[in-house]
Amino acid sequence: MKQRGEKITCLTAYDASFSALIDKAGIDIMLVGDSLGMTIQGHSSTLPVTINDMAYHARCVNQARLRAFLVADLPFMTYSTPSNAAKNAAKLMQNGVQMVKLEGPRFETVSFLVAQGVPVCGHLGLLPQSINQLGSYGIQGKEPIAADKIMADAQGLEAAGAALLVLECVPALLAKTISASLKIPVIGIGAGVDCDGQVLVLQDMLGISIGKIPRFSKNFLQDAGNILASLQNYHQAVKQGQFPAAEHSF
């Protein structure tokens, strides 16, 4: 799809009912995100989510999935070593997951997983699992040194064998540069329209999240009339390069 210049659509999914709807709407990728810590469990961060939580929700999503590609997060501290990552990736893949996602420049871990036959998605920019170090959910890579670090990390993840990369909350120009420099697809969230694809948290784009909806999201249900139509509208807006607009970018 990247080679064809076709935008890639992705949404989070946590259960069978929404999995079926997202699949029917034509979304390319479903991400079982550790964001379920906030959206499903009501926590203030992703940190309390366990590997068993992720495996359970992945299994639920996979039960109703017919065609979308299925990715799931490795949660906090489940990939502290390559062998730990492999054990927990196996648990997710045995529940239907086709690719695992992990945060940060974990080059050795990515290489190890890929060598075991595990497809890996990287995640750079804002790293929600590092919230206690970051202090807040803010934009990353604004300063030249920080931007250069994200670029180098992106190239390092690709070299280590990552097949996909999520960029979260980075300046649109930086995301554009990274997307153009990598052969693998780059999926943005709060990273501008020039990424190879987009992902949103399902509850954010339906306007039903607990608390404030992030600036980079949009309520697609507001004008759609029903949930399936809102998912289809999001899918088309991304495919046509209409979302994210300038007001959803940094």
C-alpha atoms as a PDB file:
ATOM      1  CA  MET A   1       0.000   0.000   0.000  1.00  0.00           C
ATOM      2  CA  LYS A   2       2.857   2.370   0.757  1.00  0.00           C
ATOM      3  CA  GLN A   3       4.462   1.546  -2.565  1.00  0.00           C
ATOM      4  CA  ARG A   4       1.147   2.270  -4.320  1.00  0.00           C
ATOM      5  CA  GLY A   5       0.745   5.552  -2.439  1.00  0.00           C
ATOM      6  CA  GLU A   6      -2.473   4.299  -0.818  1.00  0.00           C
ATOM      7  CA  LYS A   7      -3.143   5.568   2.695  1.00  0.00           C
ATOM      8  CA  ILE A   8      -3.483   2.929   5.427  1.00  0.00           C
ATOM      9  CA  THR A   9      -6.330   3.103   7.933  1.00  0.00           C
ATOM     10  CA  CYS A  10      -6.108   1.798  11.480  1.00  0.00           C
ATOM     11  CA  LEU A  11      -8.347   1.919  14.557  1.00  0.00           C
ATOM     12  CA  THR A  12      -8.073   0.431  18.011  1.00  0.00           C
ATOM     13  CA  ALA A  13     -10.417  -2.443  18.848  1.00  0.00           C
ATOM     14  CA  TYR A  14     -11.006  -4.214  22.137  1.00  0.00           C
ATOM     15  CA  ASP A  15     -14.028  -6.515  21.670  1.00  0.00           C
ATOM     16  CA  ALA A  16     -15.858  -8.697  19.153  1.00  0.00           C
ATOM     17  CA  SER A  17     -18.763  -6.310  18.452  1.00  0.00           C
ATOM     18  CA  PHE A  18     -16.591  -3.390  17.435  1.00  0.00           C
ATOM     19  CA  SER A  19     -14.163  -5.723  15.679  1.00  0.00           C
ATOM     20  CA  ALA A  20     -16.965  -6.853  13.355  1.00  0.00           C
ATOM     21  CA  LEU A  21     -18.023  -3.264  12.629  1.00  0.00           C
ATOM     22  CA  ILE A  22     -14.484  -2.004  12.051  1.00  0.00           C
ATOM     23  CA  ASP A  23     -13.828  -4.942   9.735  1.00  0.00           C
ATOM     24  CA  LYS A  24     -17.063  -4.291   7.836  1.00  0.00           C
ATOM     25  CA  ALA A  25     -16.152  -0.604   7.407  1.00  0.00           C
ATOM     26  CA  GLY A  26     -13.029  -1.615   5.474  1.00  0.00           C
ATOM     27  CA  ILE A  27     -10.404  -0.475   7.995  1.00  0.00           C
ATOM     28  CA  ASP A  28      -7.041  -1.992   7.063  1.00  0.00           C
ATOM     29  CA  ILE A  29      -5.550  -2.608  10.522  1.00  0.00           C
ATOM     30  CA  MET A  30      -7.055  -3.181  13.946  1.00  0.00           C
ATOM     31  CA  LEU A  31      -4.827  -2.412  16.924  1.00  0.00           C
ATOM     32  CA  VAL A  32      -5.596  -4.001  20.258  1.00  0.00           C
ATOM     33  CA  GLY A  33      -4.020  -1.145  22.169  1.00  0.00           C
ATOM     34  CA  ASP A  34      -2.951  -1.033  25.779  1.00  0.00           C
ATOM     35  CA  SER A  35      -5.030   2.146  25.664  1.00  0.00           C
ATOM     36  CA  LEU A  36      -7.700  -0.260  26.911  1.00  0.00           C
ATOM     37  CA  GLY A  37      -6.278   0.603  30.329  1.00  0.00           C
ATOM     38  CA  MET A  38      -8.056   3.940  30.026  1.00  0.00           C
ATOM     39  CA  THR A  39     -10.913   3.227  27.603  1.00  0.00           C
ATOM     40  CA  ILE A  40     -12.071  -0.132  29.017  1.00  0.00           C
ATOM     41  CA  GLN A  41     -10.618  -0.399  32.515  1.00  0.00           C
ATOM     42  CA  GLY A  42     -10.868   3.242  33.600  1.00  0.00           C
ATOM     43  CA  HIS A  43      -7.239   3.716  34.660  1.00  0.00           C
ATOM     44  CA  SER A  44      -5.388   7.018  34.260  1.00  0.00           C
ATOM     45  CA  SER A  45      -2.593   5.428  32.189  1.00  0.00           C
ATOM     46  CA  THR A  46      -1.682   2.260  30.292  1.00  0.00           C
ATOM     47  CA  LEU A  47       0.672   1.021  33.020  1.00  0.00           C
ATOM     48  CA  PRO A  48      -1.720  -1.301  34.918  1.00  0.00           C
ATOM     49  CA  VAL A  49      -2.529  -3.355  31.802  1.00  0.00           C
ATOM     50  CA  THR A  50      -1.215  -6.935  31.944  1.00  0.00           C
ATOM     51  CA  ILE A  51      -0.261  -9.387  29.211  1.00  0.00           C
ATOM     52  CA  ASN A  52      -3.275 -11.499  30.196  1.00  0.00           C
ATOM     53  CA  ASP A  53      -5.533  -8.472  29.661  1.00  0.00           C
ATOM     54  CA  MET A  54      -4.040  -7.992  26.210  1.00  0.00           C
ATOM     55  CA  ALA A  55      -4.357 -11.670  25.291  1.00  0.00           C
ATOM     56  CA  TYR A  56      -8.006 -11.737  26.390  1.00  0.00           C
ATOM     57  CA  HIS A  57      -8.983  -8.658  24.371  1.00  0.00           C
ATOM     58  CA  ALA A  58      -6.962  -9.831  21.354  1.00  0.00           C
ATOM     59  CA  ARG A  59      -8.827 -13.127  21.427  1.00  0.00           C
ATOM     60  CA  CYS A  60     -12.181 -11.292  21.568  1.00  0.00           C
ATOM     61  CA  VAL A  61     -11.246  -9.062  18.623  1.00  0.00           C
ATOM     62  CA  ASN A  62      -9.904 -11.964  16.584  1.00  0.00           C
ATOM     63  CA  GLN A  63     -13.116 -13.970  17.044  1.00  0.00           C
ATOM     64  CA  ALA A  64     -15.071 -11.486  14.886  1.00  0.00           C
ATOM     65  CA  ARG A  65     -12.291 -10.414  12.495  1.00  0.00           C
ATOM     66  CA  LEU A  66     -12.562 -11.533   8.886  1.00  0.00           C
ATOM     67  CA  ARG A  67     -10.012  -9.509   6.939  1.00  0.00           C
ATOM     68  CA  ALA A  68      -8.312  -6.626   8.797  1.00  0.00           C
ATOM     69  CA  PHE A  69      -4.674  -7.091   9.863  1.00  0.00           C
ATOM     70  CA  LEU A  70      -4.411  -7.546  13.646  1.00  0.00           C
ATOM     71  CA  VAL A  71      -1.723  -5.835  15.740  1.00  0.00           C
ATOM     72  CA  ALA A  72      -1.512  -5.791  19.545  1.00  0.00           C
ATOM     73  CA  ASP A  73       0.588  -3.928  22.078  1.00  0.00           C
ATOM     74  CA  LEU A  74       3.070  -5.574  24.362  1.00  0.00           C
ATOM     75  CA  PRO A  75       2.162  -3.829  27.644  1.00  0.00           C
ATOM     76  CA  PHE A  76       4.396  -2.150  30.211  1.00  0.00           C
ATOM     77  CA  MET A  77       7.448  -4.191  31.307  1.00  0.00           C
ATOM     78  CA  THR A  78       6.544  -7.255  29.221  1.00  0.00           C
ATOM     79  CA  TYR A  79       9.530  -6.758  26.886  1.00  0.00           C
ATOM     80  CA  SER A  80      12.262  -5.730  29.331  1.00  0.00           C
ATOM     81  CA  THR A  81      14.529  -8.397  27.801  1.00  0.00           C
ATOM     82  CA  PRO A  82      14.411 -10.058  24.380  1.00  0.00           C
ATOM     83  CA  SER A  83      13.467 -13.435  25.889  1.00  0.00           C
ATOM     84  CA  ASN A  84      10.723 -11.809  27.966  1.00  0.00           C
ATOM     85  CA  ALA A  85       9.428 -10.112  24.830  1.00  0.00           C
ATOM     86  CA  ALA A  86       9.416 -13.399  22.913  1.00  0.00           C
ATOM     87  CA  LYS A  87       7.476 -15.224  25.646  1.00  0.00           C
ATOM     88  CA  ASN A  88       4.823 -12.504  25.790  1.00  0.00           C
ATOM     89  CA  ALA A  89       4.662 -12.039  22.015  1.00  0.00           C
ATOM     90  CA  ALA A  90       3.951 -15.767  21.746  1.00  0.00           C
ATOM     91  CA  LYS A  91       1.011 -15.398  24.121  1.00  0.00           C
ATOM     92  CA  LEU A  92      -0.482 -12.653  21.940  1.00  0.00           C
ATOM     93  CA  MET A  93       0.107 -14.477  18.657  1.00  0.00           C
ATOM     94  CA  GLN A  94      -1.439 -17.662  20.042  1.00  0.00           C
ATOM     95  CA  ASN A  95      -4.591 -15.563  20.507  1.00  0.00           C
ATOM     96  CA  GLY A  96      -4.754 -14.469  16.867  1.00  0.00           C
ATOM     97  CA  VAL A  97      -2.422 -11.458  16.759  1.00  0.00           C
ATOM     98  CA  GLN A  98      -0.390 -11.109  13.559  1.00  0.00           C
ATOM     99  CA  MET A  99       2.082  -8.426  14.711  1.00  0.00           C
ATOM    100  CA  VAL A 100       3.170  -7.067  18.089  1.00  0.00           C
ATOM    101  CA  LYS A 101       3.889  -3.424  18.867  1.00  0.00           C
ATOM    102  CA  LEU A 102       6.428  -2.143  21.371  1.00  0.00           C
ATOM    103  CA  GLU A 103       7.509   1.326  22.421  1.00  0.00           C
ATOM    104  CA  GLY A 104      10.939   2.922  22.078  1.00  0.00           C
ATOM    105  CA  PRO A 105      14.228   2.179  20.298  1.00  0.00           C
ATOM    106  CA  ARG A 106      14.473  -1.478  21.377  1.00  0.00           C
ATOM    107  CA  PHE A 107      16.670  -2.547  18.492  1.00  0.00           C
ATOM    108  CA  GLU A 108      18.021  -5.761  20.061  1.00  0.00           C
ATOM    109  CA  THR A 109      14.550  -6.875  21.100  1.00  0.00           C
ATOM    110  CA  VAL A 110      13.105  -6.172  17.661  1.00  0.00           C
ATOM    111  CA  SER A 111      15.887  -8.155  15.970  1.00  0.00           C
ATOM    112  CA  PHE A 112      15.388 -11.061  18.370  1.00  0.00           C
ATOM    113  CA  LEU A 113      11.622 -11.157  17.829  1.00  0.00           C
ATOM    114  CA  VAL A 114      11.954 -10.974  14.051  1.00  0.00           C
ATOM    115  CA  ALA A 115      14.471 -13.832  14.152  1.00  0.00           C
ATOM    116  CA  GLN A 116      11.826 -15.917  15.942  1.00  0.00           C
ATOM    117  CA  GLY A 117       9.269 -15.183  13.212  1.00  0.00           C
ATOM    118  CA  VAL A 118       7.400 -12.430  15.068  1.00  0.00           C
ATOM    119  CA  PRO A 119       6.442  -9.386  12.955  1.00  0.00           C
ATOM    120  CA  VAL A 120       7.089  -6.168  14.909  1.00  0.00           C
ATOM    121  CA  CYS A 121       5.647  -2.656  14.858  1.00  0.00           C
ATOM    122  CA  GLY A 122       7.741   0.073  16.472  1.00  0.00           C
ATOM    123  CA  HIS A 123       6.376   3.127  18.282  1.00  0.00           C
ATOM    124  CA  LEU A 124       8.239   6.437  18.611  1.00  0.00           C
ATOM    125  CA  GLY A 125       7.456  10.005  19.641  1.00  0.00           C
ATOM    126  CA  LEU A 126       5.110  10.143  22.617  1.00  0.00           C
ATOM    127  CA  LEU A 127       5.525   6.864  24.513  1.00  0.00           C
ATOM    128  CA  PRO A 128       2.544   6.398  26.867  1.00  0.00           C
ATOM    129  CA  GLN A 129       4.285   3.639  28.833  1.00  0.00           C
ATOM    130  CA  SER A 130       6.991   6.181  29.755  1.00  0.00           C
ATOM    131  CA  ILE A 131       4.524   8.728  31.146  1.00  0.00           C
ATOM    132  CA  ASN A 132       6.219   8.748  34.562  1.00  0.00           C
ATOM    133  CA  GLN A 133       9.444   9.863  32.879  1.00  0.00           C
ATOM    134  CA  LEU A 134       7.808  12.257  30.419  1.00  0.00           C
ATOM    135  CA  GLY A 135       5.558  13.876  33.019  1.00  0.00           C
ATOM    136  CA  SER A 136       2.782  14.720  30.552  1.00  0.00           C
ATOM    137  CA  TYR A 137       1.256  13.603  27.260  1.00  0.00           C
ATOM    138  CA  GLY A 138       2.894  16.328  25.158  1.00  0.00           C
ATOM    139  CA  ILE A 139       4.330  16.733  21.678  1.00  0.00           C
ATOM    140  CA  GLN A 140       7.765  15.184  21.139  1.00  0.00           C
ATOM    141  CA  GLY A 141      10.583  16.092  18.754  1.00  0.00           C
ATOM    142  CA  LYS A 142      10.070  19.854  18.653  1.00  0.00           C
ATOM    143  CA  GLU A 143      13.739  20.660  19.212  1.00  0.00           C
ATOM    144  CA  PRO A 144      16.337  19.735  16.543  1.00  0.00           C
ATOM    145  CA  ILE A 145      18.264  17.341  18.815  1.00  0.00           C
ATOM    146  CA  ALA A 146      15.081  15.514  19.810  1.00  0.00           C
ATOM    147  CA  ALA A 147      13.899  15.399  16.195  1.00  0.00           C
ATOM    148  CA  ASP A 148      17.237  13.952  15.055  1.00  0.00           C
ATOM    149  CA  LYS A 149      16.987  11.301  17.776  1.00  0.00           C
ATOM    150  CA  ILE A 150      13.511  10.222  16.638  1.00  0.00           C
ATOM    151  CA  MET A 151      14.714  10.073  13.020  1.00  0.00           C
ATOM    152  CA  ALA A 152      17.750   7.963  13.984  1.00  0.00           C
ATOM    153  CA  ASP A 153      15.597   5.685  16.123  1.00  0.00           C
ATOM    154  CA  ALA A 154      13.125   5.215  13.257  1.00  0.00           C
ATOM    155  CA  GLN A 155      15.920   4.216  10.903  1.00  0.00           C
ATOM    156  CA  GLY A 156      17.351   1.928  13.584  1.00  0.00           C
ATOM    157  CA  LEU A 157      14.030   0.150  14.078  1.00  0.00           C
ATOM    158  CA  GLU A 158      13.703  -0.408  10.339  1.00  0.00           C
ATOM    159  CA  ALA A 159      17.260  -1.764  10.204  1.00  0.00           C
ATOM    160  CA  ALA A 160      16.469  -4.078  13.131  1.00  0.00           C
ATOM    161  CA  GLY A 161      13.609  -5.590  11.148  1.00  0.00           C
ATOM    162  CA  ALA A 162      10.493  -3.696  12.224  1.00  0.00           C
ATOM    163  CA  ALA A 163       7.846  -3.924   9.503  1.00  0.00           C
ATOM    164  CA  LEU A 164       5.682  -0.998  10.645  1.00  0.00           C
ATOM    165  CA  LEU A 165       6.148   2.163  12.723  1.00  0.00           C
ATOM    166  CA  VAL A 166       3.719   4.296  14.720  1.00  0.00           C
ATOM    167  CA  LEU A 167       4.658   7.953  15.248  1.00  0.00           C
ATOM    168  CA  GLU A 168       2.680   9.643  18.021  1.00  0.00           C
ATOM    169  CA  CYS A 169       2.470  13.377  18.755  1.00  0.00           C
ATOM    170  CA  VAL A 170       5.378  14.650  16.670  1.00  0.00           C
ATOM    171  CA  PRO A 171       5.533  17.719  14.398  1.00  0.00           C
ATOM    172  CA  ALA A 172       3.934  17.078  11.007  1.00  0.00           C
ATOM    173  CA  LEU A 173       7.084  18.059   9.127  1.00  0.00           C
ATOM    174  CA  LEU A 174       9.222  15.614  11.094  1.00  0.00           C
ATOM    175  CA  ALA A 175       6.704  12.832  10.480  1.00  0.00           C
ATOM    176  CA  LYS A 176       6.664  13.649   6.771  1.00  0.00           C
ATOM    177  CA  THR A 177      10.466  13.455   6.618  1.00  0.00           C
ATOM    178  CA  ILE A 178      10.580  10.152   8.490  1.00  0.00           C
ATOM    179  CA  SER A 179       7.809   8.624   6.354  1.00  0.00           C
ATOM    180  CA  ALA A 180       9.663   9.566   3.185  1.00  0.00           C
ATOM    181  CA  SER A 181      12.979   8.210   4.475  1.00  0.00           C
ATOM    182  CA  LEU A 182      11.726   4.746   5.462  1.00  0.00           C
ATOM    183  CA  LYS A 183      10.708   1.844   3.255  1.00  0.00           C
ATOM    184  CA  ILE A 184       8.325   0.513   5.901  1.00  0.00           C
ATOM    185  CA  PRO A 185       4.908   2.153   6.400  1.00  0.00           C
ATOM    186  CA  VAL A 186       4.615   4.890   9.032  1.00  0.00           C
ATOM    187  CA  ILE A 187       1.277   5.216  10.830  1.00  0.00           C
ATOM    188  CA  GLY A 188       0.643   8.570  12.469  1.00  0.00           C
ATOM    189  CA  ILE A 189      -1.435   9.663  15.433  1.00  0.00           C
ATOM    190  CA  GLY A 190      -1.108  13.378  15.974  1.00  0.00           C
ATOM    191  CA  ALA A 191       1.673  13.353  13.382  1.00  0.00           C
ATOM    192  CA  GLY A 192       0.152  15.107  10.361  1.00  0.00           C
ATOM    193  CA  VAL A 193      -1.378  14.015   7.088  1.00  0.00           C
ATOM    194  CA  ASP A 194       1.832  12.991   5.314  1.00  0.00           C
ATOM    195  CA  CYS A 195       2.337   9.704   7.170  1.00  0.00           C
ATOM    196  CA  ASP A 196       1.565   6.546   5.198  1.00  0.00           C
ATOM    197  CA  GLY A 197      -1.500   5.939   7.350  1.00  0.00           C
ATOM    198  CA  GLN A 198      -3.413   7.026  10.431  1.00  0.00           C
ATOM    199  CA  VAL A 199      -4.586   5.438  13.684  1.00  0.00           C
ATOM    200  CA  LEU A 200      -7.037   6.731  16.265  1.00  0.00           C
ATOM    201  CA  VAL A 201      -8.389   5.387  19.519  1.00  0.00           C
ATOM    202  CA  LEU A 202     -11.887   4.110  18.759  1.00  0.00           C
ATOM    203  CA  GLN A 203     -13.545   5.844  21.708  1.00  0.00           C
ATOM    204  CA  ASP A 204     -11.925   9.172  20.791  1.00  0.00           C
ATOM    205  CA  MET A 205     -13.228   9.130  17.210  1.00  0.00           C
ATOM    206  CA  LEU A 206     -16.712   8.196  18.460  1.00  0.00           C
ATOM    207  CA  GLY A 207     -16.656  10.988  21.043  1.00  0.00           C
ATOM    208  CA  ILE A 208     -17.253   8.617  23.961  1.00  0.00           C
ATOM    209  CA  SER A 209     -13.880   8.716  25.714  1.00  0.00           C
ATOM    210  CA  ILE A 210     -13.626   9.437  29.422  1.00  0.00           C
ATOM    211  CA  GLY A 211     -12.233  12.952  29.793  1.00  0.00           C
ATOM    212  CA  LYS A 212     -10.956  15.326  27.132  1.00  0.00           C
ATOM    213  CA  ILE A 213     -10.621  14.107  23.550  1.00  0.00           C
ATOM    214  CA  PRO A 214      -7.089  14.785  22.210  1.00  0.00           C
ATOM    215  CA  ARG A 215      -6.582  17.651  19.795  1.00  0.00           C
ATOM    216  CA  PHE A 216      -5.338  15.263  17.113  1.00  0.00           C
ATOM    217  CA  SER A 217      -8.599  13.287  17.107  1.00  0.00           C
ATOM    218  CA  LYS A 218     -11.988  14.066  15.607  1.00  0.00           C
ATOM    219  CA  ASN A 219     -15.528  13.009  16.508  1.00  0.00           C
ATOM    220  CA  PHE A 220     -16.654  11.155  13.371  1.00  0.00           C
ATOM    221  CA  LEU A 221     -19.919  10.008  14.950  1.00  0.00           C
ATOM    222  CA  GLN A 222     -21.240  13.546  15.389  1.00  0.00           C
ATOM    223  CA  ASP A 223     -22.378  13.951  11.776  1.00  0.00           C
ATOM    224  CA  ALA A 224     -22.648  10.281  10.770  1.00  0.00           C
ATOM    225  CA  GLY A 225     -25.873   9.113  12.358  1.00  0.00           C
ATOM    226  CA  ASN A 226     -24.610   5.649  13.291  1.00  0.00           C
ATOM    227  CA  ILE A 227     -21.393   3.941  14.288  1.00  0.00           C
ATOM    228  CA  LEU A 228     -20.786   2.019  11.045  1.00  0.00           C
ATOM    229  CA  ALA A 229     -21.161   5.212   8.999  1.00  0.00           C
ATOM    230  CA  SER A 230     -18.720   7.025  11.288  1.00  0.00           C
ATOM    231  CA  LEU A 231     -16.133   4.266  10.801  1.00  0.00           C
ATOM    232  CA  GLN A 232     -16.638   4.389   7.024  1.00  0.00           C
ATOM    233  CA  ASN A 233     -16.315   8.189   7.058  1.00  0.00           C
ATOM    234  CA  TYR A 234     -13.025   7.955   8.957  1.00  0.00           C
ATOM    235  CA  HIS A 235     -11.784   5.308   6.516  1.00  0.00           C
ATOM    236  CA  GLN A 236     -12.593   7.497   3.507  1.00  0.00           C
ATOM    237  CA  ALA A 237     -11.242  10.694   5.091  1.00  0.00           C
ATOM    238  CA  VAL A 238      -7.871   9.030   5.646  1.00  0.00           C
ATOM    239  CA  LYS A 239      -7.821   7.377   2.206  1.00  0.00           C
ATOM    240  CA  GLN A 240      -8.535  10.728   0.547  1.00  0.00           C
ATOM    241  CA  GLY A 241      -5.977  12.637   2.609  1.00  0.00           C
ATOM    242  CA  GLN A 242      -8.672  14.762   4.275  1.00  0.00           C
ATOM    243  CA  PHE A 243      -7.817  13.608   7.798  1.00  0.00           C
ATOM    244  CA  PRO A 244      -5.939  14.733   9.754  1.00  0.00           C
ATOM    245  CA  ALA A 245      -6.500  18.384   8.859  1.00  0.00           C
ATOM    246  CA  ALA A 246      -4.231  21.208  10.026  1.00  0.00           C
ATOM    247  CA  GLU A 247      -6.172  21.615  13.263  1.00  0.00           C
ATOM    248  CA  HIS A 248      -5.420  17.997  14.189  1.00  0.00           C
ATOM    249  CA  SER A 249      -1.665  18.382  13.638  1.00  0.00           C
ATOM    250  CA  PHE A 250       1.298  19.986  15.357  1.00  0.00           C
END
